[in-house]
Amino acid sequence: MAQIIKAERDYTLLTVLLQVADIFVKVRERELLNQNLSATSAAILFLVDAMGKDVTPAKISRMLLREPHSVSGILMRMEKQGLLKRTKNMERKNLIRVTLTARGEQALKLSMKKEGVKHILSRLTEEQRKQLKAALATLKEAGLKELNLGPRALPWP
């Protein structure tokens, strides 16, 4: 009986985590609607900006835990929107670099001004934020081990 109660507790916590993640995505999608951006596209703009000059589709795929072909499709759509540019590396022809365009930088700045996520997170004290970040880091590390991925799989943030 104790095992069942523990399992129920674990799956209850998982359900709450999934609900919160879905709430954040829905809030983000709603606030980006008038920008014609998805939450994933906004996340890619943020990642490309934050990761610097050596961003590749493979790195983006790893950071988002998405299949490369899925990210490739999103990047193609974003390039058609004029948000980013994919260029071949002249030394290694099979390597593609991803950079933001001026329009992409503007879209990123505008998307960062949205207040939905900030409004939700403002309910946490600074101490609660630190505790949540530490707990999520612990879960992330355990999850990467479970997937047989090293900590380098998601080195940031």
N, C-alpha and C. Protein backbone atom coordinates (compact mmCIF):
# COMPACT_ATOMS: atom_id res chain seq x y z
N MET A 1 0.82 -1.20 0.00
CA MET A 1 0.00 0.00 0.00
C MET A 1 0.86 1.27 0.00
N ALA A 2 1.96 1.25 0.74
CA ALA A 2 2.85 2.42 0.80
C ALA A 2 3.42 2.74 -0.58
N GLN A 3 3.71 1.70 -1.38
CA GLN A 3 4.24 1.90 -2.75
C GLN A 3 3.22 2.62 -3.62
N ILE A 4 1.96 2.20 -3.50
CA ILE A 4 0.90 2.83 -4.30
C ILE A 4 0.75 4.29 -3.91
N ILE A 5 0.78 4.58 -2.62
CA ILE A 5 0.65 5.96 -2.16
C ILE A 5 1.82 6.80 -2.67
N LYS A 6 3.04 6.24 -2.63
CA LYS A 6 4.22 6.97 -3.13
C LYS A 6 4.08 7.21 -4.63
N ALA A 7 3.64 6.20 -5.38
CA ALA A 7 3.46 6.35 -6.82
C ALA A 7 2.41 7.40 -7.12
N GLU A 8 1.31 7.38 -6.37
CA GLU A 8 0.27 8.38 -6.57
C GLU A 8 0.81 9.77 -6.30
N ARG A 9 1.63 9.89 -5.26
CA ARG A 9 2.24 11.18 -4.92
C ARG A 9 3.14 11.66 -6.06
N ASP A 10 3.94 10.74 -6.61
CA ASP A 10 4.83 11.09 -7.71
C ASP A 10 4.05 11.51 -8.95
N TYR A 11 3.00 10.76 -9.29
CA TYR A 11 2.23 11.09 -10.49
C TYR A 11 1.36 12.33 -10.28
N THR A 12 0.97 12.59 -9.06
CA THR A 12 0.27 13.83 -8.77
C THR A 12 1.21 15.01 -9.00
N LEU A 13 2.44 14.89 -8.52
CA LEU A 13 3.42 15.95 -8.72
C LEU A 13 3.73 16.12 -10.22
N LEU A 14 3.88 15.02 -10.93
CA LEU A 14 4.11 15.09 -12.38
C LEU A 14 2.95 15.81 -13.07
N THR A 15 1.73 15.48 -12.69
CA THR A 15 0.56 16.12 -13.29
C THR A 15 0.57 17.63 -13.04
N VAL A 16 0.91 18.04 -11.82
CA VAL A 16 0.98 19.47 -11.51
C VAL A 16 2.08 20.14 -12.34
N LEU A 17 3.24 19.49 -12.46
CA LEU A 17 4.33 20.05 -13.28
C LEU A 17 3.88 20.23 -14.74
N LEU A 18 3.21 19.22 -15.28
CA LEU A 18 2.72 19.31 -16.66
C LEU A 18 1.66 20.41 -16.81
N GLN A 19 0.78 20.52 -15.82
CA GLN A 19 -0.23 21.58 -15.87
C GLN A 19 0.42 22.96 -15.86
N VAL A 20 1.40 23.15 -14.99
CA VAL A 20 2.08 24.44 -14.90
C VAL A 20 2.82 24.74 -16.21
N ALA A 21 3.51 23.74 -16.76
CA ALA A 21 4.21 23.94 -18.03
C ALA A 21 3.21 24.33 -19.12
N ASP A 22 2.09 23.64 -19.19
CA ASP A 22 1.07 23.95 -20.19
C ASP A 22 0.49 25.34 -19.99
N ILE A 23 0.29 25.74 -18.74
CA ILE A 23 -0.20 27.09 -18.45
C ILE A 23 0.77 28.13 -18.97
N PHE A 24 2.06 27.95 -18.69
CA PHE A 24 3.07 28.90 -19.17
C PHE A 24 3.06 28.98 -20.69
N VAL A 25 2.98 27.84 -21.36
CA VAL A 25 2.97 27.83 -22.83
C VAL A 25 1.72 28.54 -23.35
N LYS A 26 0.57 28.26 -22.77
CA LYS A 26 -0.67 28.90 -23.23
C LYS A 26 -0.65 30.41 -23.01
N VAL A 27 -0.15 30.84 -21.86
CA VAL A 27 -0.04 32.28 -21.59
C VAL A 27 0.92 32.91 -22.60
N ARG A 28 2.04 32.25 -22.83
CA ARG A 28 3.03 32.78 -23.78
C ARG A 28 2.47 32.83 -25.20
N GLU A 29 1.78 31.77 -25.61
CA GLU A 29 1.17 31.73 -26.95
C GLU A 29 0.16 32.87 -27.12
N ARG A 30 -0.66 33.08 -26.10
CA ARG A 30 -1.68 34.12 -26.18
C ARG A 30 -1.06 35.51 -26.30
N GLU A 31 0.00 35.76 -25.52
CA GLU A 31 0.59 37.09 -25.56
C GLU A 31 1.43 37.34 -26.82
N LEU A 32 1.84 36.27 -27.51
CA LEU A 32 2.64 36.42 -28.72
C LEU A 32 1.79 36.36 -30.00
N LEU A 33 0.51 36.11 -29.83
CA LEU A 33 -0.38 35.94 -30.98
C LEU A 33 -0.33 37.11 -31.95
N ASN A 34 -0.37 38.33 -31.44
CA ASN A 34 -0.36 39.50 -32.31
C ASN A 34 1.01 39.73 -32.97
N GLN A 35 2.04 39.04 -32.50
CA GLN A 35 3.36 39.12 -33.11
C GLN A 35 3.56 38.03 -34.17
N ASN A 36 2.57 37.16 -34.31
CA ASN A 36 2.67 36.03 -35.23
C ASN A 36 3.86 35.13 -34.88
N LEU A 37 4.06 34.95 -33.56
CA LEU A 37 5.13 34.09 -33.05
C LEU A 37 4.53 33.00 -32.17
N SER A 38 5.09 31.82 -32.26
CA SER A 38 4.72 30.76 -31.33
C SER A 38 5.66 30.86 -30.13
N ALA A 39 5.29 30.18 -29.05
CA ALA A 39 6.17 30.15 -27.88
C ALA A 39 7.50 29.50 -28.24
N THR A 40 7.47 28.48 -29.09
CA THR A 40 8.71 27.82 -29.50
C THR A 40 9.58 28.76 -30.34
N SER A 41 8.97 29.50 -31.24
CA SER A 41 9.73 30.46 -32.06
C SER A 41 10.36 31.53 -31.18
N ALA A 42 9.61 32.01 -30.20
CA ALA A 42 10.15 33.02 -29.28
C ALA A 42 11.30 32.42 -28.47
N ALA A 43 11.16 31.16 -28.07
CA ALA A 43 12.24 30.50 -27.33
C ALA A 43 13.48 30.36 -28.20
N ILE A 44 13.30 30.06 -29.47
CA ILE A 44 14.43 29.95 -30.38
C ILE A 44 15.12 31.30 -30.55
N LEU A 45 14.35 32.36 -30.70
CA LEU A 45 14.95 33.70 -30.78
C LEU A 45 15.79 33.97 -29.53
N PHE A 46 15.23 33.65 -28.37
CA PHE A 46 15.94 33.86 -27.11
C PHE A 46 17.22 33.03 -27.06
N LEU A 47 17.14 31.75 -27.44
CA LEU A 47 18.31 30.87 -27.40
C LEU A 47 19.40 31.34 -28.36
N VAL A 48 19.03 31.70 -29.57
CA VAL A 48 20.02 32.15 -30.55
C VAL A 48 20.73 33.39 -30.04
N ASP A 49 19.98 34.30 -29.46
CA ASP A 49 20.58 35.52 -28.92
C ASP A 49 21.48 35.20 -27.72
N ALA A 50 21.01 34.35 -26.83
CA ALA A 50 21.74 34.05 -25.59
C ALA A 50 22.97 33.19 -25.83
N MET A 51 22.93 32.31 -26.84
CA MET A 51 24.03 31.38 -27.05
C MET A 51 25.16 31.97 -27.88
N GLY A 52 24.96 33.11 -28.50
CA GLY A 52 26.05 33.75 -29.21
C GLY A 52 26.17 33.35 -30.66
N LYS A 53 27.40 33.42 -31.18
CA LYS A 53 27.62 33.30 -32.62
C LYS A 53 27.70 31.89 -33.16
N ASP A 54 27.98 30.90 -32.36
CA ASP A 54 28.16 29.54 -32.86
C ASP A 54 26.92 28.67 -32.70
N VAL A 55 25.76 29.23 -33.01
CA VAL A 55 24.51 28.50 -32.86
C VAL A 55 24.24 27.70 -34.12
N THR A 56 23.95 26.43 -33.93
CA THR A 56 23.61 25.54 -35.04
C THR A 56 22.23 24.95 -34.79
N PRO A 57 21.57 24.46 -35.84
CA PRO A 57 20.29 23.78 -35.64
C PRO A 57 20.41 22.60 -34.67
N ALA A 58 21.53 21.89 -34.70
CA ALA A 58 21.73 20.75 -33.79
C ALA A 58 21.75 21.22 -32.33
N LYS A 59 22.42 22.34 -32.06
CA LYS A 59 22.46 22.87 -30.69
C LYS A 59 21.07 23.29 -30.23
N ILE A 60 20.32 23.91 -31.13
CA ILE A 60 18.96 24.32 -30.79
C ILE A 60 18.12 23.08 -30.49
N SER A 61 18.25 22.05 -31.30
CA SER A 61 17.50 20.80 -31.08
C SER A 61 17.81 20.22 -29.71
N ARG A 62 19.08 20.19 -29.36
CA ARG A 62 19.47 19.65 -28.05
C ARG A 62 18.91 20.50 -26.92
N MET A 63 18.99 21.82 -27.05
CA MET A 63 18.53 22.70 -25.99
C MET A 63 17.02 22.60 -25.77
N LEU A 64 16.28 22.36 -26.85
CA LEU A 64 14.82 22.26 -26.74
C LEU A 64 14.34 20.82 -26.56
N LEU A 65 15.28 19.87 -26.57
CA LEU A 65 14.95 18.44 -26.52
C LEU A 65 13.94 18.08 -27.60
N ARG A 66 14.19 18.59 -28.81
CA ARG A 66 13.32 18.33 -29.95
C ARG A 66 14.12 17.59 -31.02
N GLU A 67 13.41 16.86 -31.86
CA GLU A 67 14.06 16.17 -32.97
C GLU A 67 14.60 17.19 -33.96
N PRO A 68 15.78 16.90 -34.54
CA PRO A 68 16.38 17.85 -35.49
C PRO A 68 15.46 18.23 -36.65
N HIS A 69 14.72 17.27 -37.19
CA HIS A 69 13.84 17.60 -38.33
C HIS A 69 12.72 18.56 -37.92
N SER A 70 12.25 18.45 -36.67
CA SER A 70 11.22 19.38 -36.19
C SER A 70 11.77 20.79 -36.09
N VAL A 71 12.96 20.91 -35.52
CA VAL A 71 13.59 22.22 -35.38
C VAL A 71 13.93 22.79 -36.75
N SER A 72 14.37 21.94 -37.66
CA SER A 72 14.69 22.39 -39.01
C SER A 72 13.48 23.02 -39.68
N GLY A 73 12.31 22.41 -39.52
CA GLY A 73 11.09 22.97 -40.09
C GLY A 73 10.74 24.31 -39.49
N ILE A 74 10.88 24.42 -38.18
CA ILE A 74 10.60 25.69 -37.50
C ILE A 74 11.57 26.76 -37.97
N LEU A 75 12.86 26.40 -38.08
CA LEU A 75 13.86 27.38 -38.53
C LEU A 75 13.58 27.85 -39.95
N MET A 76 13.14 26.93 -40.82
CA MET A 76 12.80 27.33 -42.20
C MET A 76 11.65 28.33 -42.20
N ARG A 77 10.62 28.08 -41.38
CA ARG A 77 9.48 29.01 -41.31
C ARG A 77 9.92 30.36 -40.76
N MET A 78 10.78 30.32 -39.75
CA MET A 78 11.26 31.57 -39.16
C MET A 78 12.13 32.35 -40.15
N GLU A 79 12.89 31.64 -40.96
CA GLU A 79 13.70 32.30 -41.98
C GLU A 79 12.79 32.96 -43.02
N LYS A 80 11.72 32.28 -43.41
CA LYS A 80 10.76 32.86 -44.37
C LYS A 80 10.09 34.11 -43.80
N GLN A 81 9.92 34.14 -42.47
CA GLN A 81 9.34 35.31 -41.81
C GLN A 81 10.36 36.44 -41.68
N GLY A 82 11.62 36.15 -42.00
CA GLY A 82 12.67 37.16 -41.90
C GLY A 82 13.21 37.34 -40.50
N LEU A 83 13.00 36.36 -39.63
CA LEU A 83 13.42 36.47 -38.23
C LEU A 83 14.85 36.01 -38.00
N LEU A 84 15.32 35.10 -38.82
CA LEU A 84 16.68 34.60 -38.67
C LEU A 84 17.24 34.22 -40.02
N LYS A 85 18.53 33.96 -40.00
CA LYS A 85 19.22 33.57 -41.23
C LYS A 85 20.03 32.32 -40.94
N ARG A 86 19.95 31.38 -41.87
CA ARG A 86 20.76 30.17 -41.79
C ARG A 86 21.83 30.26 -42.87
N THR A 87 23.09 30.15 -42.47
CA THR A 87 24.17 30.24 -43.44
C THR A 87 25.10 29.05 -43.28
N LYS A 88 25.62 28.59 -44.41
CA LYS A 88 26.56 27.48 -44.38
C LYS A 88 27.92 27.99 -43.94
N ASN A 89 28.58 27.16 -43.16
CA ASN A 89 29.95 27.44 -42.73
C ASN A 89 30.85 27.20 -43.93
N MET A 90 31.68 28.14 -44.29
CA MET A 90 32.53 28.00 -45.48
C MET A 90 33.61 26.93 -45.30
N GLU A 91 34.01 26.69 -44.05
CA GLU A 91 35.03 25.67 -43.81
C GLU A 91 34.41 24.27 -43.78
N ARG A 92 33.25 24.17 -43.21
CA ARG A 92 32.54 22.88 -43.13
C ARG A 92 31.18 23.06 -43.77
N LYS A 93 31.06 22.68 -45.00
CA LYS A 93 29.85 22.93 -45.80
C LYS A 93 28.59 22.32 -45.18
N ASN A 94 28.74 21.22 -44.43
CA ASN A 94 27.55 20.59 -43.85
C ASN A 94 27.12 21.24 -42.54
N LEU A 95 27.84 22.25 -42.09
CA LEU A 95 27.52 22.92 -40.83
C LEU A 95 26.78 24.22 -41.13
N ILE A 96 25.64 24.39 -40.49
CA ILE A 96 24.84 25.59 -40.70
C ILE A 96 24.85 26.42 -39.41
N ARG A 97 25.02 27.70 -39.58
CA ARG A 97 24.97 28.64 -38.45
C ARG A 97 23.65 29.39 -38.51
N VAL A 98 23.11 29.68 -37.34
CA VAL A 98 21.85 30.40 -37.24
C VAL A 98 22.12 31.73 -36.55
N THR A 99 21.67 32.81 -37.17
CA THR A 99 21.82 34.14 -36.59
C THR A 99 20.49 34.89 -36.71
N LEU A 100 20.29 35.82 -35.80
CA LEU A 100 19.10 36.66 -35.86
C LEU A 100 19.28 37.76 -36.89
N THR A 101 18.21 38.09 -37.56
CA THR A 101 18.19 39.26 -38.43
C THR A 101 17.78 40.46 -37.57
N ALA A 102 17.82 41.64 -38.17
CA ALA A 102 17.36 42.83 -37.45
C ALA A 102 15.89 42.66 -37.05
N ARG A 103 15.10 42.08 -37.94
CA ARG A 103 13.69 41.83 -37.64
C ARG A 103 13.55 40.82 -36.49
N GLY A 104 14.41 39.82 -36.46
CA GLY A 104 14.40 38.84 -35.38
C GLY A 104 14.77 39.46 -34.06
N GLU A 105 15.77 40.34 -34.07
CA GLU A 105 16.16 41.04 -32.84
C GLU A 105 15.02 41.91 -32.32
N GLN A 106 14.34 42.57 -33.25
CA GLN A 106 13.21 43.41 -32.86
C GLN A 106 12.07 42.55 -32.29
N ALA A 107 11.79 41.42 -32.93
CA ALA A 107 10.75 40.50 -32.44
C ALA A 107 11.12 39.97 -31.05
N LEU A 108 12.40 39.66 -30.85
CA LEU A 108 12.85 39.18 -29.53
C LEU A 108 12.62 40.25 -28.47
N LYS A 109 13.04 41.47 -28.74
CA LYS A 109 12.87 42.56 -27.76
C LYS A 109 11.40 42.76 -27.42
N LEU A 110 10.56 42.74 -28.45
CA LEU A 110 9.13 42.92 -28.23
C LEU A 110 8.56 41.75 -27.43
N SER A 111 8.98 40.54 -27.73
CA SER A 111 8.46 39.37 -27.02
C SER A 111 8.90 39.37 -25.55
N MET A 112 10.07 39.93 -25.28
CA MET A 112 10.58 39.97 -23.90
C MET A 112 9.83 41.01 -23.05
N LYS A 113 9.15 41.93 -23.71
CA LYS A 113 8.40 42.95 -22.98
C LYS A 113 7.04 42.43 -22.51
N LYS A 114 6.66 41.27 -22.99
CA LYS A 114 5.37 40.70 -22.60
C LYS A 114 5.42 40.34 -21.12
N GLU A 115 4.32 40.52 -20.44
CA GLU A 115 4.31 40.44 -18.99
C GLU A 115 3.65 39.19 -18.41
N GLY A 116 3.04 38.33 -19.23
CA GLY A 116 2.30 37.18 -18.70
C GLY A 116 3.13 36.27 -17.82
N VAL A 117 4.27 35.84 -18.32
CA VAL A 117 5.13 34.93 -17.55
C VAL A 117 5.66 35.66 -16.32
N LYS A 118 6.09 36.89 -16.50
CA LYS A 118 6.60 37.67 -15.37
C LYS A 118 5.52 37.84 -14.30
N HIS A 119 4.29 38.06 -14.75
CA HIS A 119 3.19 38.26 -13.81
C HIS A 119 2.96 37.00 -12.97
N ILE A 120 3.01 35.84 -13.61
CA ILE A 120 2.82 34.58 -12.88
C ILE A 120 3.98 34.37 -11.90
N LEU A 121 5.21 34.54 -12.39
CA LEU A 121 6.38 34.29 -11.55
C LEU A 121 6.53 35.32 -10.43
N SER A 122 5.90 36.47 -10.58
CA SER A 122 6.00 37.50 -9.54
C SER A 122 5.35 37.05 -8.23
N ARG A 123 4.58 35.98 -8.28
CA ARG A 123 3.94 35.46 -7.06
C ARG A 123 4.96 34.77 -6.14
N LEU A 124 6.15 34.48 -6.68
CA LEU A 124 7.18 33.81 -5.88
C LEU A 124 8.09 34.84 -5.24
N THR A 125 8.47 34.56 -4.01
CA THR A 125 9.48 35.39 -3.35
C THR A 125 10.84 35.02 -3.95
N GLU A 126 11.83 35.83 -3.65
CA GLU A 126 13.18 35.54 -4.14
C GLU A 126 13.66 34.19 -3.62
N GLU A 127 13.36 33.89 -2.37
CA GLU A 127 13.75 32.60 -1.78
C GLU A 127 13.03 31.44 -2.48
N GLN A 128 11.76 31.60 -2.78
CA GLN A 128 11.01 30.56 -3.48
C GLN A 128 11.57 30.34 -4.89
N ARG A 129 11.98 31.43 -5.53
CA ARG A 129 12.58 31.31 -6.87
C ARG A 129 13.87 30.48 -6.81
N LYS A 130 14.70 30.77 -5.81
CA LYS A 130 15.95 30.03 -5.65
C LYS A 130 15.67 28.56 -5.38
N GLN A 131 14.70 28.29 -4.52
CA GLN A 131 14.34 26.90 -4.21
C GLN A 131 13.79 26.18 -5.43
N LEU A 132 12.93 26.85 -6.18
CA LEU A 132 12.36 26.25 -7.39
C LEU A 132 13.44 25.96 -8.42
N LYS A 133 14.33 26.93 -8.61
CA LYS A 133 15.43 26.74 -9.57
C LYS A 133 16.30 25.56 -9.16
N ALA A 134 16.61 25.46 -7.89
CA ALA A 134 17.44 24.35 -7.41
C ALA A 134 16.71 23.01 -7.57
N ALA A 135 15.43 22.97 -7.24
CA ALA A 135 14.66 21.73 -7.38
C ALA A 135 14.55 21.32 -8.85
N LEU A 136 14.30 22.27 -9.72
CA LEU A 136 14.21 21.96 -11.16
C LEU A 136 15.55 21.50 -11.71
N ALA A 137 16.64 22.10 -11.24
CA ALA A 137 17.98 21.68 -11.68
C ALA A 137 18.24 20.23 -11.26
N THR A 138 17.82 19.88 -10.06
CA THR A 138 17.97 18.50 -9.58
C THR A 138 17.17 17.54 -10.45
N LEU A 139 15.93 17.90 -10.76
CA LEU A 139 15.08 17.05 -11.61
C LEU A 139 15.63 16.96 -13.03
N LYS A 140 16.14 18.07 -13.53
CA LYS A 140 16.73 18.08 -14.88
C LYS A 140 17.91 17.12 -14.94
N GLU A 141 18.77 17.19 -13.96
CA GLU A 141 19.95 16.31 -13.91
C GLU A 141 19.53 14.84 -13.84
N ALA A 142 18.55 14.54 -12.98
CA ALA A 142 18.07 13.15 -12.85
C ALA A 142 17.42 12.68 -14.14
N GLY A 143 16.68 13.56 -14.79
CA GLY A 143 16.04 13.22 -16.05
C GLY A 143 17.03 12.95 -17.16
N LEU A 144 18.09 13.75 -17.21
CA LEU A 144 19.13 13.54 -18.22
C LEU A 144 19.82 12.20 -18.00
N LYS A 145 20.05 11.84 -16.74
CA LYS A 145 20.64 10.53 -16.44
C LYS A 145 19.70 9.42 -16.88
N GLU A 146 18.42 9.58 -16.62
CA GLU A 146 17.42 8.58 -16.99
C GLU A 146 17.38 8.38 -18.51
N LEU A 147 17.61 9.45 -19.25
CA LEU A 147 17.63 9.40 -20.72
C LEU A 147 19.00 9.03 -21.28
N ASN A 148 19.94 8.74 -20.37
CA ASN A 148 21.33 8.45 -20.76
C ASN A 148 21.97 9.61 -21.51
N LEU A 149 21.64 10.81 -21.08
CA LEU A 149 22.25 12.01 -21.62
C LEU A 149 23.09 12.64 -20.53
N GLY A 150 24.24 13.11 -20.88
CA GLY A 150 25.09 13.75 -19.88
C GLY A 150 24.63 15.16 -19.60
N PRO A 151 25.19 15.79 -18.58
CA PRO A 151 24.83 17.16 -18.24
C PRO A 151 25.15 18.14 -19.38
N ARG A 152 26.04 17.72 -20.28
CA ARG A 152 26.37 18.59 -21.42
C ARG A 152 25.22 18.66 -22.42
N ALA A 153 24.26 17.72 -22.33
CA ALA A 153 23.12 17.73 -23.25
C ALA A 153 22.33 19.02 -23.12
N LEU A 154 22.19 19.49 -21.91
CA LEU A 154 21.48 20.75 -21.65
C LEU A 154 22.36 21.63 -20.76
N PRO A 155 23.43 22.19 -21.31
CA PRO A 155 24.38 22.91 -20.48
C PRO A 155 23.87 24.27 -20.00
N TRP A 156 22.83 24.74 -20.61
CA TRP A 156 22.35 26.08 -20.30
C TRP A 156 20.84 26.06 -20.27
N PRO A 157 20.15 26.78 -19.51
CA PRO A 157 20.62 27.67 -18.46
C PRO A 157 20.85 26.92 -17.17
